[in-house]
Protein backbone atom coordinates (compact mmCIF):
# COMPACT_ATOMS: atom_id res chain seq x y z
CA UNK A 1 0.00 0.00 0.00
CA UNK A 2 1.46 3.46 -0.87
CA UNK A 3 2.85 5.25 2.13
CA UNK A 4 3.38 2.12 4.23
CA UNK A 5 6.68 0.41 4.97
CA UNK A 6 7.78 -2.79 6.71
CA UNK A 7 7.84 -2.50 10.52
CA UNK A 8 11.19 -1.34 11.92
CA UNK A 9 12.54 -0.08 8.57
CA UNK A 10 12.74 3.62 7.80
CA UNK A 11 11.13 4.88 4.56
CA UNK A 12 13.59 5.53 1.70
CA UNK A 13 12.48 9.17 1.72
CA UNK A 14 10.17 11.40 3.68
CA UNK A 15 6.57 10.41 2.82
CA UNK A 16 5.54 14.06 2.89
CA UNK A 17 7.76 14.80 -0.11
CA UNK A 18 5.66 14.60 -3.25
CA UNK A 19 8.69 14.42 -5.47
CA UNK A 20 9.81 11.00 -4.22
CA UNK A 21 13.40 9.80 -3.77
CA UNK A 22 14.78 11.83 -6.64
CA UNK A 23 13.37 15.22 -5.62
CA UNK A 24 15.14 18.56 -5.43
CA UNK A 25 17.36 17.31 -2.60
CA UNK A 26 18.77 14.50 -4.74
CA UNK A 27 18.78 10.74 -4.21
CA UNK A 28 18.28 9.29 -0.76
CA UNK A 29 21.45 8.52 1.21
CA UNK A 30 22.05 4.88 2.14
CA UNK A 31 21.85 3.92 5.78
CA UNK A 32 25.02 4.91 7.65
CA UNK A 33 26.15 7.35 4.96
CA UNK A 34 27.78 10.67 5.86
CA UNK A 35 24.83 13.02 6.37
CA UNK A 36 26.53 16.39 6.49
CA UNK A 37 29.18 18.50 8.14
CA UNK A 38 32.90 18.63 7.34
CA UNK A 39 34.41 15.67 5.51
CA UNK A 40 36.90 13.40 7.20
CA UNK A 41 39.71 15.05 5.23
CA UNK A 42 38.56 18.51 6.33
CA UNK A 43 38.43 17.45 9.97
CA UNK A 44 41.94 16.01 9.77
CA UNK A 45 43.31 19.15 8.13
CA UNK A 46 41.67 21.24 10.84
CA UNK A 47 43.78 19.24 13.29
CA UNK A 48 46.87 19.76 11.06
CA UNK A 49 46.97 16.10 10.04
CA UNK A 50 48.07 14.99 6.55
CA UNK A 51 47.82 11.40 5.32
CA UNK A 52 50.17 9.74 2.85
CA UNK A 53 48.60 6.38 2.18
CA UNK A 54 49.36 3.80 -0.49
CA UNK A 55 51.98 3.83 -3.25
CA UNK A 56 53.63 7.14 -4.00
CA UNK A 57 52.23 8.60 -7.21
CA UNK A 58 51.76 12.06 -8.69
CA UNK A 59 48.28 12.46 -7.21
CA UNK A 60 49.04 11.38 -3.64
CA UNK A 61 52.33 13.28 -3.44
CA UNK A 62 50.85 16.42 -5.00
CA UNK A 63 47.95 16.35 -2.54
CA UNK A 64 50.22 15.80 0.48
CA UNK A 65 52.58 18.61 -0.55
CA UNK A 66 49.69 21.02 -1.18
CA UNK A 67 48.12 20.23 2.18
CA UNK A 68 51.39 20.68 4.06
CA UNK A 69 52.02 24.03 2.36
CA UNK A 70 48.48 25.17 3.13
CA UNK A 71 48.85 24.22 6.80
CA UNK A 72 52.21 26.00 6.94
CA UNK A 73 50.51 29.14 5.66
CA UNK A 74 47.74 29.05 8.27
CA UNK A 75 49.51 28.29 11.54
CA UNK A 76 52.77 27.85 13.41
CA UNK A 77 52.11 24.46 14.99
CA UNK A 78 53.77 21.32 13.64
CA UNK A 79 52.17 19.36 10.81
CA UNK A 80 51.38 15.74 11.66
CA UNK A 81 52.14 13.47 8.68
CA UNK A 82 50.93 9.87 8.86
CA UNK A 83 52.67 7.54 6.40
CA UNK A 84 51.70 4.06 5.27
CA UNK A 85 53.23 3.39 1.87
CA UNK A 86 54.73 0.63 -0.22
CA UNK A 87 57.02 3.16 -1.85
CA UNK A 88 57.23 4.49 -5.38
CA UNK A 89 59.51 6.45 -7.69
CA UNK A 90 62.49 8.08 -6.05
CA UNK A 91 61.83 11.53 -7.46
CA UNK A 92 58.43 11.67 -5.74
CA UNK A 93 59.95 10.86 -2.34
CA UNK A 94 62.57 13.56 -2.89
CA UNK A 95 59.78 16.02 -3.78
CA UNK A 96 58.09 15.29 -0.45
CA UNK A 97 61.38 15.62 1.44
CA UNK A 98 62.14 18.96 -0.27
CA UNK A 99 58.68 20.24 0.64
CA UNK A 100 59.13 19.21 4.27
CA UNK A 101 62.49 21.01 4.34
CA UNK A 102 61.00 24.20 2.86
CA UNK A 103 58.14 24.48 5.35
CA UNK A 104 58.36 27.11 8.05
CA UNK A 105 56.93 24.62 10.56
CA UNK A 106 58.31 21.19 11.47
CA UNK A 107 56.71 17.99 10.24
CA UNK A 108 56.20 15.22 12.80
CA UNK A 109 55.95 11.87 10.99
CA UNK A 110 54.29 8.70 12.24
CA UNK A 111 54.57 5.42 10.33
CA UNK A 112 51.40 3.34 10.37
CA UNK A 113 51.42 -0.05 8.69
CA UNK A 114 54.46 -0.09 6.44
CA UNK A 115 57.11 2.17 4.97
CA UNK A 116 59.04 0.67 2.09
CA UNK A 117 61.60 1.80 -0.45
CA UNK A 118 61.38 5.51 -1.19
CA UNK A 119 58.80 6.03 1.58
CA UNK A 120 61.52 5.20 4.13
CA UNK A 121 63.17 8.51 3.32
CA UNK A 122 59.96 10.44 3.96
CA UNK A 123 59.66 8.95 7.44
CA UNK A 124 63.33 9.51 8.24
CA UNK A 125 63.18 13.16 7.14
CA UNK A 126 60.64 14.16 9.79
CA UNK A 127 61.57 16.59 12.55
CA UNK A 128 60.20 13.98 14.97
CA UNK A 129 59.70 10.40 13.83
CA UNK A 130 57.44 7.82 15.43
CA UNK A 131 56.26 4.31 14.59
CA UNK A 132 53.16 2.42 15.57
CA UNK A 133 53.97 -0.75 17.55
CA UNK A 134 53.26 -3.03 14.57
CA UNK A 135 54.76 -0.83 11.87
CA UNK A 136 57.13 -2.48 9.39
CA UNK A 137 60.03 -0.98 7.49
CA UNK A 138 61.59 -2.42 4.35
CA UNK A 139 64.94 -0.96 3.41
CA UNK A 140 65.23 -1.53 -0.32
CA UNK A 141 66.19 0.49 -3.37
CA UNK A 142 63.33 2.65 -4.67
CA UNK A 143 61.46 1.15 -7.61
CA UNK A 144 62.37 2.22 -11.13
CA UNK A 145 60.53 2.03 -14.42
CA UNK A 146 61.99 3.51 -17.56
CA UNK A 147 62.06 2.91 -21.28
CA UNK A 148 63.77 4.47 -24.27
CA UNK A 149 66.74 4.15 -26.57
CA UNK A 150 70.12 2.92 -25.43
CA UNK A 151 71.51 6.45 -25.20
CA UNK A 152 68.43 7.65 -23.29
CA UNK A 153 68.73 4.78 -20.85
CA UNK A 154 72.40 5.52 -20.28
CA UNK A 155 71.64 9.17 -19.53
CA UNK A 156 68.80 8.15 -17.22
CA UNK A 157 71.07 5.68 -15.38
CA UNK A 158 73.56 8.46 -14.62
CA UNK A 159 70.76 10.69 -13.38
CA UNK A 160 69.27 7.91 -11.24
CA UNK A 161 72.63 7.15 -9.63
CA UNK A 162 72.99 10.80 -8.66
CA UNK A 163 69.48 10.89 -7.18
CA UNK A 164 70.04 7.63 -5.33
CA UNK A 165 73.28 9.02 -3.91
CA UNK A 166 71.42 12.04 -2.51
CA UNK A 167 68.75 9.74 -1.08
CA UNK A 168 71.36 7.54 0.60
CA UNK A 169 73.15 10.58 2.01
CA UNK A 170 69.90 11.92 3.47
CA UNK A 171 69.18 8.56 5.12
CA UNK A 172 72.73 8.45 6.47
CA UNK A 173 72.35 11.90 8.03
CA UNK A 174 68.94 11.01 9.48
CA UNK A 175 70.08 7.73 11.01
CA UNK A 176 73.65 8.64 11.97
CA UNK A 177 75.00 5.67 10.01
CA UNK A 178 77.76 5.61 7.39
CA UNK A 179 76.41 6.13 3.89
CA UNK A 180 78.06 2.93 2.64
CA UNK A 181 76.22 0.90 5.29
CA UNK A 182 72.87 2.42 4.31
CA UNK A 183 73.61 1.81 0.63
CA UNK A 184 74.43 -1.85 1.33
CA UNK A 185 71.19 -2.34 3.30
CA UNK A 186 69.17 -0.82 0.48
CA UNK A 187 70.93 -3.02 -2.05
CA UNK A 188 70.32 -6.35 -0.31
CA UNK A 189 66.94 -5.46 1.25
CA UNK A 190 66.31 -5.50 4.98
CA UNK A 191 63.09 -5.81 6.97
CA UNK A 192 62.84 -4.02 10.33
CA UNK A 193 60.10 -4.02 12.95
CA UNK A 194 59.30 -0.87 14.90
CA UNK A 195 61.91 -1.40 17.60
CA UNK A 196 64.60 -2.35 15.06
CA UNK A 197 63.74 0.80 13.10
CA UNK A 198 64.21 2.82 16.28
CA UNK A 199 67.59 1.20 16.88
CA UNK A 200 68.53 1.80 13.25
CA UNK A 201 67.72 5.50 13.62
CA UNK A 202 64.75 5.70 11.25
CA UNK A 203 62.38 6.74 14.05
CA UNK A 204 62.83 8.31 17.47
CA UNK A 205 60.21 6.44 19.47
CA UNK A 206 57.35 3.94 19.30
CA UNK A 207 53.75 4.75 20.14
CA UNK A 208 52.22 2.63 22.87
CA UNK A 209 48.92 2.47 24.76
CA UNK A 210 50.04 5.37 26.91
CA UNK A 211 51.38 7.44 24.06
CA UNK A 212 55.02 8.13 23.11
CA UNK A 213 57.92 8.58 25.44
CA UNK A 214 58.27 12.18 26.50
CA UNK A 215 60.52 14.20 24.22
CA UNK A 216 62.33 17.33 25.22
CA UNK A 217 61.56 20.33 22.99
CA UNK A 218 63.93 20.48 20.07
CA UNK A 219 66.22 23.45 19.76
CA UNK A 220 68.21 24.69 16.86
CA UNK A 221 68.42 27.40 14.23
CA UNK A 222 65.25 28.95 12.88
CA UNK A 223 63.85 27.38 9.73
CA UNK A 224 64.50 29.96 7.01
CA UNK A 225 61.67 29.12 4.61
CA UNK A 226 57.93 28.62 4.75
CA UNK A 227 54.66 29.36 3.00
CA UNK A 228 53.05 31.58 5.65
CA UNK A 229 51.66 35.08 4.94
CA UNK A 230 53.47 38.27 5.76
CA UNK A 231 56.96 39.52 4.94
CA UNK A 232 59.41 37.54 2.88
CA UNK A 233 60.80 34.55 4.76
CA UNK A 234 64.02 35.13 6.58
CA UNK A 235 66.01 33.87 9.53
CA UNK A 236 64.01 33.81 12.73
CA UNK A 237 60.53 33.78 11.13
CA UNK A 238 59.44 30.70 13.06
CA UNK A 239 61.43 28.64 15.52
CA UNK A 240 61.82 24.92 15.04
CA UNK A 241 59.65 22.85 17.35
C-alpha atoms as a PDB file:
ATOM      1  CA  UNK A   1       0.000   0.000   0.000  1.00  0.00           C
ATOM      2  CA  UNK A   2       1.461   3.463  -0.868  1.00  0.00           C
ATOM      3  CA  UNK A   3       2.851   5.248   2.128  1.00  0.00           C
ATOM      4  CA  UNK A   4       3.377   2.115   4.225  1.00  0.00           C
ATOM      5  CA  UNK A   5       6.676   0.412   4.974  1.00  0.00           C
ATOM      6  CA  UNK A   6       7.782  -2.791   6.714  1.00  0.00           C
ATOM      7  CA  UNK A   7       7.836  -2.497  10.522  1.00  0.00           C
ATOM      8  CA  UNK A   8      11.186  -1.336  11.919  1.00  0.00           C
ATOM      9  CA  UNK A   9      12.537  -0.081   8.574  1.00  0.00           C
ATOM     10  CA  UNK A  10      12.736   3.625   7.804  1.00  0.00           C
ATOM     11  CA  UNK A  11      11.134   4.877   4.562  1.00  0.00           C
ATOM     12  CA  UNK A  12      13.594   5.532   1.701  1.00  0.00           C
ATOM     13  CA  UNK A  13      12.480   9.175   1.723  1.00  0.00           C
ATOM     14  CA  UNK A  14      10.174  11.396   3.681  1.00  0.00           C
ATOM     15  CA  UNK A  15       6.570  10.407   2.822  1.00  0.00           C
ATOM     16  CA  UNK A  16       5.540  14.057   2.890  1.00  0.00           C
ATOM     17  CA  UNK A  17       7.765  14.797  -0.107  1.00  0.00           C
ATOM     18  CA  UNK A  18       5.662  14.605  -3.253  1.00  0.00           C
ATOM     19  CA  UNK A  19       8.695  14.421  -5.468  1.00  0.00           C
ATOM     20  CA  UNK A  20       9.808  10.997  -4.223  1.00  0.00           C
ATOM     21  CA  UNK A  21      13.398   9.798  -3.775  1.00  0.00           C
ATOM     22  CA  UNK A  22      14.779  11.829  -6.644  1.00  0.00           C
ATOM     23  CA  UNK A  23      13.372  15.219  -5.624  1.00  0.00           C
ATOM     24  CA  UNK A  24      15.143  18.556  -5.434  1.00  0.00           C
ATOM     25  CA  UNK A  25      17.363  17.312  -2.598  1.00  0.00           C
ATOM     26  CA  UNK A  26      18.773  14.501  -4.740  1.00  0.00           C
ATOM     27  CA  UNK A  27      18.779  10.741  -4.207  1.00  0.00           C
ATOM     28  CA  UNK A  28      18.279   9.289  -0.762  1.00  0.00           C
ATOM     29  CA  UNK A  29      21.450   8.519   1.212  1.00  0.00           C
ATOM     30  CA  UNK A  30      22.054   4.881   2.142  1.00  0.00           C
ATOM     31  CA  UNK A  31      21.850   3.915   5.777  1.00  0.00           C
ATOM     32  CA  UNK A  32      25.018   4.914   7.655  1.00  0.00           C
ATOM     33  CA  UNK A  33      26.147   7.346   4.963  1.00  0.00           C
ATOM     34  CA  UNK A  34      27.775  10.667   5.859  1.00  0.00           C
ATOM     35  CA  UNK A  35      24.833  13.022   6.373  1.00  0.00           C
ATOM     36  CA  UNK A  36      26.528  16.387   6.485  1.00  0.00           C
ATOM     37  CA  UNK A  37      29.183  18.498   8.137  1.00  0.00           C
ATOM     38  CA  UNK A  38      32.897  18.629   7.343  1.00  0.00           C
ATOM     39  CA  UNK A  39      34.406  15.674   5.507  1.00  0.00           C
ATOM     40  CA  UNK A  40      36.903  13.399   7.205  1.00  0.00           C
ATOM     41  CA  UNK A  41      39.714  15.047   5.234  1.00  0.00           C
ATOM     42  CA  UNK A  42      38.559  18.512   6.327  1.00  0.00           C
ATOM     43  CA  UNK A  43      38.425  17.452   9.967  1.00  0.00           C
ATOM     44  CA  UNK A  44      41.939  16.011   9.766  1.00  0.00           C
ATOM     45  CA  UNK A  45      43.310  19.155   8.131  1.00  0.00           C
ATOM     46  CA  UNK A  46      41.666  21.236  10.840  1.00  0.00           C
ATOM     47  CA  UNK A  47      43.783  19.237  13.285  1.00  0.00           C
ATOM     48  CA  UNK A  48      46.869  19.758  11.062  1.00  0.00           C
ATOM     49  CA  UNK A  49      46.972  16.098  10.037  1.00  0.00           C
ATOM     50  CA  UNK A  50      48.072  14.995   6.552  1.00  0.00           C
ATOM     51  CA  UNK A  51      47.823  11.401   5.318  1.00  0.00           C
ATOM     52  CA  UNK A  52      50.172   9.740   2.845  1.00  0.00           C
ATOM     53  CA  UNK A  53      48.597   6.380   2.180  1.00  0.00           C
ATOM     54  CA  UNK A  54      49.357   3.797  -0.493  1.00  0.00           C
ATOM     55  CA  UNK A  55      51.977   3.831  -3.250  1.00  0.00           C
ATOM     56  CA  UNK A  56      53.634   7.142  -4.002  1.00  0.00           C
ATOM     57  CA  UNK A  57      52.227   8.597  -7.212  1.00  0.00           C
ATOM     58  CA  UNK A  58      51.761  12.063  -8.688  1.00  0.00           C
ATOM     59  CA  UNK A  59      48.277  12.464  -7.210  1.00  0.00           C
ATOM     60  CA  UNK A  60      49.041  11.382  -3.640  1.00  0.00           C
ATOM     61  CA  UNK A  61      52.328  13.278  -3.438  1.00  0.00           C
ATOM     62  CA  UNK A  62      50.850  16.419  -5.001  1.00  0.00           C
ATOM     63  CA  UNK A  63      47.954  16.347  -2.541  1.00  0.00           C
ATOM     64  CA  UNK A  64      50.219  15.805   0.478  1.00  0.00           C
ATOM     65  CA  UNK A  65      52.582  18.614  -0.555  1.00  0.00           C
ATOM     66  CA  UNK A  66      49.694  21.018  -1.183  1.00  0.00           C
ATOM     67  CA  UNK A  67      48.117  20.230   2.178  1.00  0.00           C
ATOM     68  CA  UNK A  68      51.388  20.678   4.057  1.00  0.00           C
ATOM     69  CA  UNK A  69      52.024  24.029   2.360  1.00  0.00           C
ATOM     70  CA  UNK A  70      48.478  25.175   3.133  1.00  0.00           C
ATOM     71  CA  UNK A  71      48.854  24.222   6.798  1.00  0.00           C
ATOM     72  CA  UNK A  72      52.208  25.998   6.942  1.00  0.00           C
ATOM     73  CA  UNK A  73      50.513  29.143   5.661  1.00  0.00           C
ATOM     74  CA  UNK A  74      47.743  29.046   8.269  1.00  0.00           C
ATOM     75  CA  UNK A  75      49.507  28.290  11.538  1.00  0.00           C
ATOM     76  CA  UNK A  76      52.770  27.854  13.410  1.00  0.00           C
ATOM     77  CA  UNK A  77      52.109  24.455  14.986  1.00  0.00           C
ATOM     78  CA  UNK A  78      53.769  21.319  13.645  1.00  0.00           C
ATOM     79  CA  UNK A  79      52.166  19.359  10.812  1.00  0.00           C
ATOM     80  CA  UNK A  80      51.377  15.737  11.655  1.00  0.00           C
ATOM     81  CA  UNK A  81      52.141  13.475   8.684  1.00  0.00           C
ATOM     82  CA  UNK A  82      50.932   9.868   8.859  1.00  0.00           C
ATOM     83  CA  UNK A  83      52.667   7.535   6.402  1.00  0.00           C
ATOM     84  CA  UNK A  84      51.705   4.056   5.271  1.00  0.00           C
ATOM     85  CA  UNK A  85      53.231   3.392   1.869  1.00  0.00           C
ATOM     86  CA  UNK A  86      54.727   0.625  -0.221  1.00  0.00           C
ATOM     87  CA  UNK A  87      57.024   3.161  -1.851  1.00  0.00           C
ATOM     88  CA  UNK A  88      57.230   4.488  -5.376  1.00  0.00           C
ATOM     89  CA  UNK A  89      59.510   6.449  -7.692  1.00  0.00           C
ATOM     90  CA  UNK A  90      62.489   8.080  -6.047  1.00  0.00           C
ATOM     91  CA  UNK A  91      61.832  11.534  -7.457  1.00  0.00           C
ATOM     92  CA  UNK A  92      58.431  11.666  -5.736  1.00  0.00           C
ATOM     93  CA  UNK A  93      59.949  10.863  -2.341  1.00  0.00           C
ATOM     94  CA  UNK A  94      62.567  13.565  -2.891  1.00  0.00           C
ATOM     95  CA  UNK A  95      59.778  16.020  -3.775  1.00  0.00           C
ATOM     96  CA  UNK A  96      58.095  15.286  -0.450  1.00  0.00           C
ATOM     97  CA  UNK A  97      61.379  15.619   1.440  1.00  0.00           C
ATOM     98  CA  UNK A  98      62.138  18.957  -0.267  1.00  0.00           C
ATOM     99  CA  UNK A  99      58.676  20.244   0.638  1.00  0.00           C
ATOM    100  CA  UNK A 100      59.131  19.208   4.272  1.00  0.00           C
ATOM    101  CA  UNK A 101      62.487  21.014   4.340  1.00  0.00           C
ATOM    102  CA  UNK A 102      60.996  24.199   2.865  1.00  0.00           C
ATOM    103  CA  UNK A 103      58.143  24.484   5.347  1.00  0.00           C
ATOM    104  CA  UNK A 104      58.365  27.108   8.054  1.00  0.00           C
ATOM    105  CA  UNK A 105      56.932  24.624  10.562  1.00  0.00           C
ATOM    106  CA  UNK A 106      58.308  21.195  11.472  1.00  0.00           C
ATOM    107  CA  UNK A 107      56.709  17.986  10.243  1.00  0.00           C
ATOM    108  CA  UNK A 108      56.197  15.217  12.798  1.00  0.00           C
ATOM    109  CA  UNK A 109      55.950  11.875  10.990  1.00  0.00           C
ATOM    110  CA  UNK A 110      54.291   8.702  12.237  1.00  0.00           C
ATOM    111  CA  UNK A 111      54.568   5.421  10.330  1.00  0.00           C
ATOM    112  CA  UNK A 112      51.399   3.338  10.370  1.00  0.00           C
ATOM    113  CA  UNK A 113      51.420  -0.048   8.691  1.00  0.00           C
ATOM    114  CA  UNK A 114      54.461  -0.093   6.439  1.00  0.00           C
ATOM    115  CA  UNK A 115      57.111   2.167   4.968  1.00  0.00           C
ATOM    116  CA  UNK A 116      59.039   0.669   2.087  1.00  0.00           C
ATOM    117  CA  UNK A 117      61.600   1.802  -0.454  1.00  0.00           C
ATOM    118  CA  UNK A 118      61.384   5.513  -1.191  1.00  0.00           C
ATOM    119  CA  UNK A 119      58.804   6.032   1.584  1.00  0.00           C
ATOM    120  CA  UNK A 120      61.518   5.199   4.130  1.00  0.00           C
ATOM    121  CA  UNK A 121      63.172   8.509   3.316  1.00  0.00           C
ATOM    122  CA  UNK A 122      59.956  10.444   3.957  1.00  0.00           C
ATOM    123  CA  UNK A 123      59.662   8.947   7.440  1.00  0.00           C
ATOM    124  CA  UNK A 124      63.333   9.510   8.240  1.00  0.00           C
ATOM    125  CA  UNK A 125      63.179  13.155   7.136  1.00  0.00           C
ATOM    126  CA  UNK A 126      60.643  14.160   9.793  1.00  0.00           C
ATOM    127  CA  UNK A 127      61.566  16.588  12.549  1.00  0.00           C
ATOM    128  CA  UNK A 128      60.203  13.983  14.970  1.00  0.00           C
ATOM    129  CA  UNK A 129      59.699  10.403  13.826  1.00  0.00           C
ATOM    130  CA  UNK A 130      57.444   7.823  15.432  1.00  0.00           C
ATOM    131  CA  UNK A 131      56.259   4.311  14.588  1.00  0.00           C
ATOM    132  CA  UNK A 132      53.156   2.423  15.570  1.00  0.00           C
ATOM    133  CA  UNK A 133      53.965  -0.751  17.551  1.00  0.00           C
ATOM    134  CA  UNK A 134      53.260  -3.028  14.573  1.00  0.00           C
ATOM    135  CA  UNK A 135      54.763  -0.826  11.872  1.00  0.00           C
ATOM    136  CA  UNK A 136      57.125  -2.479   9.389  1.00  0.00           C
ATOM    137  CA  UNK A 137      60.027  -0.976   7.492  1.00  0.00           C
ATOM    138  CA  UNK A 138      61.589  -2.420   4.354  1.00  0.00           C
ATOM    139  CA  UNK A 139      64.936  -0.961   3.406  1.00  0.00           C
ATOM    140  CA  UNK A 140      65.229  -1.527  -0.316  1.00  0.00           C
ATOM    141  CA  UNK A 141      66.186   0.494  -3.367  1.00  0.00           C
ATOM    142  CA  UNK A 142      63.329   2.648  -4.674  1.00  0.00           C
ATOM    143  CA  UNK A 143      61.465   1.151  -7.606  1.00  0.00           C
ATOM    144  CA  UNK A 144      62.368   2.218 -11.132  1.00  0.00           C
ATOM    145  CA  UNK A 145      60.525   2.026 -14.424  1.00  0.00           C
ATOM    146  CA  UNK A 146      61.989   3.508 -17.561  1.00  0.00           C
ATOM    147  CA  UNK A 147      62.063   2.911 -21.285  1.00  0.00           C
ATOM    148  CA  UNK A 148      63.768   4.467 -24.271  1.00  0.00           C
ATOM    149  CA  UNK A 149      66.738   4.152 -26.571  1.00  0.00           C
ATOM    150  CA  UNK A 150      70.121   2.922 -25.429  1.00  0.00           C
ATOM    151  CA  UNK A 151      71.505   6.447 -25.199  1.00  0.00           C
ATOM    152  CA  UNK A 152      68.434   7.651 -23.292  1.00  0.00           C
ATOM    153  CA  UNK A 153      68.726   4.777 -20.848  1.00  0.00           C
ATOM    154  CA  UNK A 154      72.401   5.523 -20.282  1.00  0.00           C
ATOM    155  CA  UNK A 155      71.639   9.170 -19.528  1.00  0.00           C
ATOM    156  CA  UNK A 156      68.804   8.149 -17.221  1.00  0.00           C
ATOM    157  CA  UNK A 157      71.070   5.679 -15.382  1.00  0.00           C
ATOM    158  CA  UNK A 158      73.556   8.465 -14.622  1.00  0.00           C
ATOM    159  CA  UNK A 159      70.758  10.695 -13.380  1.00  0.00           C
ATOM    160  CA  UNK A 160      69.275   7.914 -11.239  1.00  0.00           C
ATOM    161  CA  UNK A 161      72.633   7.148  -9.628  1.00  0.00           C
ATOM    162  CA  UNK A 162      72.987  10.801  -8.665  1.00  0.00           C
ATOM    163  CA  UNK A 163      69.482  10.888  -7.181  1.00  0.00           C
ATOM    164  CA  UNK A 164      70.043   7.631  -5.327  1.00  0.00           C
ATOM    165  CA  UNK A 165      73.284   9.019  -3.915  1.00  0.00           C
ATOM    166  CA  UNK A 166      71.421  12.035  -2.511  1.00  0.00           C
ATOM    167  CA  UNK A 167      68.752   9.739  -1.080  1.00  0.00           C
ATOM    168  CA  UNK A 168      71.363   7.542   0.603  1.00  0.00           C
ATOM    169  CA  UNK A 169      73.146  10.579   2.014  1.00  0.00           C
ATOM    170  CA  UNK A 170      69.896  11.922   3.465  1.00  0.00           C
ATOM    171  CA  UNK A 171      69.185   8.564   5.115  1.00  0.00           C
ATOM    172  CA  UNK A 172      72.729   8.446   6.470  1.00  0.00           C
ATOM    173  CA  UNK A 173      72.346  11.899   8.026  1.00  0.00           C
ATOM    174  CA  UNK A 174      68.935  11.014   9.480  1.00  0.00           C
ATOM    175  CA  UNK A 175      70.077   7.730  11.012  1.00  0.00           C
ATOM    176  CA  UNK A 176      73.648   8.637  11.970  1.00  0.00           C
ATOM    177  CA  UNK A 177      74.995   5.675  10.008  1.00  0.00           C
ATOM    178  CA  UNK A 178      77.760   5.606   7.392  1.00  0.00           C
ATOM    179  CA  UNK A 179      76.407   6.132   3.887  1.00  0.00           C
ATOM    180  CA  UNK A 180      78.060   2.928   2.638  1.00  0.00           C
ATOM    181  CA  UNK A 181      76.223   0.901   5.293  1.00  0.00           C
ATOM    182  CA  UNK A 182      72.871   2.422   4.314  1.00  0.00           C
ATOM    183  CA  UNK A 183      73.607   1.813   0.631  1.00  0.00           C
ATOM    184  CA  UNK A 184      74.425  -1.851   1.334  1.00  0.00           C
ATOM    185  CA  UNK A 185      71.194  -2.343   3.300  1.00  0.00           C
ATOM    186  CA  UNK A 186      69.169  -0.817   0.482  1.00  0.00           C
ATOM    187  CA  UNK A 187      70.926  -3.025  -2.046  1.00  0.00           C
ATOM    188  CA  UNK A 188      70.321  -6.348  -0.306  1.00  0.00           C
ATOM    189  CA  UNK A 189      66.944  -5.461   1.251  1.00  0.00           C
ATOM    190  CA  UNK A 190      66.308  -5.499   4.981  1.00  0.00           C
ATOM    191  CA  UNK A 191      63.086  -5.808   6.974  1.00  0.00           C
ATOM    192  CA  UNK A 192      62.837  -4.016  10.328  1.00  0.00           C
ATOM    193  CA  UNK A 193      60.102  -4.023  12.949  1.00  0.00           C
ATOM    194  CA  UNK A 194      59.296  -0.872  14.903  1.00  0.00           C
ATOM    195  CA  UNK A 195      61.914  -1.401  17.600  1.00  0.00           C
ATOM    196  CA  UNK A 196      64.596  -2.350  15.059  1.00  0.00           C
ATOM    197  CA  UNK A 197      63.738   0.795  13.098  1.00  0.00           C
ATOM    198  CA  UNK A 198      64.211   2.821  16.278  1.00  0.00           C
ATOM    199  CA  UNK A 199      67.589   1.202  16.885  1.00  0.00           C
ATOM    200  CA  UNK A 200      68.533   1.797  13.250  1.00  0.00           C
ATOM    201  CA  UNK A 201      67.717   5.496  13.615  1.00  0.00           C
ATOM    202  CA  UNK A 202      64.751   5.698  11.250  1.00  0.00           C
ATOM    203  CA  UNK A 203      62.381   6.743  14.048  1.00  0.00           C
ATOM    204  CA  UNK A 204      62.831   8.311  17.473  1.00  0.00           C
ATOM    205  CA  UNK A 205      60.210   6.439  19.470  1.00  0.00           C
ATOM    206  CA  UNK A 206      57.348   3.942  19.304  1.00  0.00           C
ATOM    207  CA  UNK A 207      53.751   4.749  20.136  1.00  0.00           C
ATOM    208  CA  UNK A 208      52.219   2.635  22.867  1.00  0.00           C
ATOM    209  CA  UNK A 209      48.917   2.470  24.758  1.00  0.00           C
ATOM    210  CA  UNK A 210      50.037   5.374  26.915  1.00  0.00           C
ATOM    211  CA  UNK A 211      51.381   7.445  24.059  1.00  0.00           C
ATOM    212  CA  UNK A 212      55.015   8.133  23.113  1.00  0.00           C
ATOM    213  CA  UNK A 213      57.918   8.584  25.444  1.00  0.00           C
ATOM    214  CA  UNK A 214      58.265  12.178  26.504  1.00  0.00           C
ATOM    215  CA  UNK A 215      60.517  14.196  24.224  1.00  0.00           C
ATOM    216  CA  UNK A 216      62.326  17.331  25.218  1.00  0.00           C
ATOM    217  CA  UNK A 217      61.561  20.334  22.986  1.00  0.00           C
ATOM    218  CA  UNK A 218      63.927  20.481  20.069  1.00  0.00           C
ATOM    219  CA  UNK A 219      66.216  23.446  19.765  1.00  0.00           C
ATOM    220  CA  UNK A 220      68.210  24.692  16.865  1.00  0.00           C
ATOM    221  CA  UNK A 221      68.417  27.402  14.228  1.00  0.00           C
ATOM    222  CA  UNK A 222      65.249  28.948  12.884  1.00  0.00           C
ATOM    223  CA  UNK A 223      63.846  27.385   9.730  1.00  0.00           C
ATOM    224  CA  UNK A 224      64.502  29.957   7.008  1.00  0.00           C
ATOM    225  CA  UNK A 225      61.675  29.119   4.606  1.00  0.00           C
ATOM    226  CA  UNK A 226      57.933  28.617   4.750  1.00  0.00           C
ATOM    227  CA  UNK A 227      54.659  29.360   3.002  1.00  0.00           C
ATOM    228  CA  UNK A 228      53.053  31.579   5.651  1.00  0.00           C
ATOM    229  CA  UNK A 229      51.665  35.077   4.944  1.00  0.00           C
ATOM    230  CA  UNK A 230      53.470  38.270   5.761  1.00  0.00           C
ATOM    231  CA  UNK A 231      56.960  39.520   4.938  1.00  0.00           C
ATOM    232  CA  UNK A 232      59.414  37.539   2.883  1.00  0.00           C
ATOM    233  CA  UNK A 233      60.804  34.553   4.756  1.00  0.00           C
ATOM    234  CA  UNK A 234      64.015  35.134   6.577  1.00  0.00           C
ATOM    235  CA  UNK A 235      66.008  33.867   9.532  1.00  0.00           C
ATOM    236  CA  UNK A 236      64.014  33.805  12.729  1.00  0.00           C
ATOM    237  CA  UNK A 237      60.530  33.784  11.133  1.00  0.00           C
ATOM    238  CA  UNK A 238      59.440  30.701  13.061  1.00  0.00           C
ATOM    239  CA  UNK A 239      61.426  28.636  15.523  1.00  0.00           C
ATOM    240  CA  UNK A 240      61.816  24.922  15.040  1.00  0.00           C
ATOM    241  CA  UNK A 241      59.648  22.848  17.352  1.00  0.00           C
END
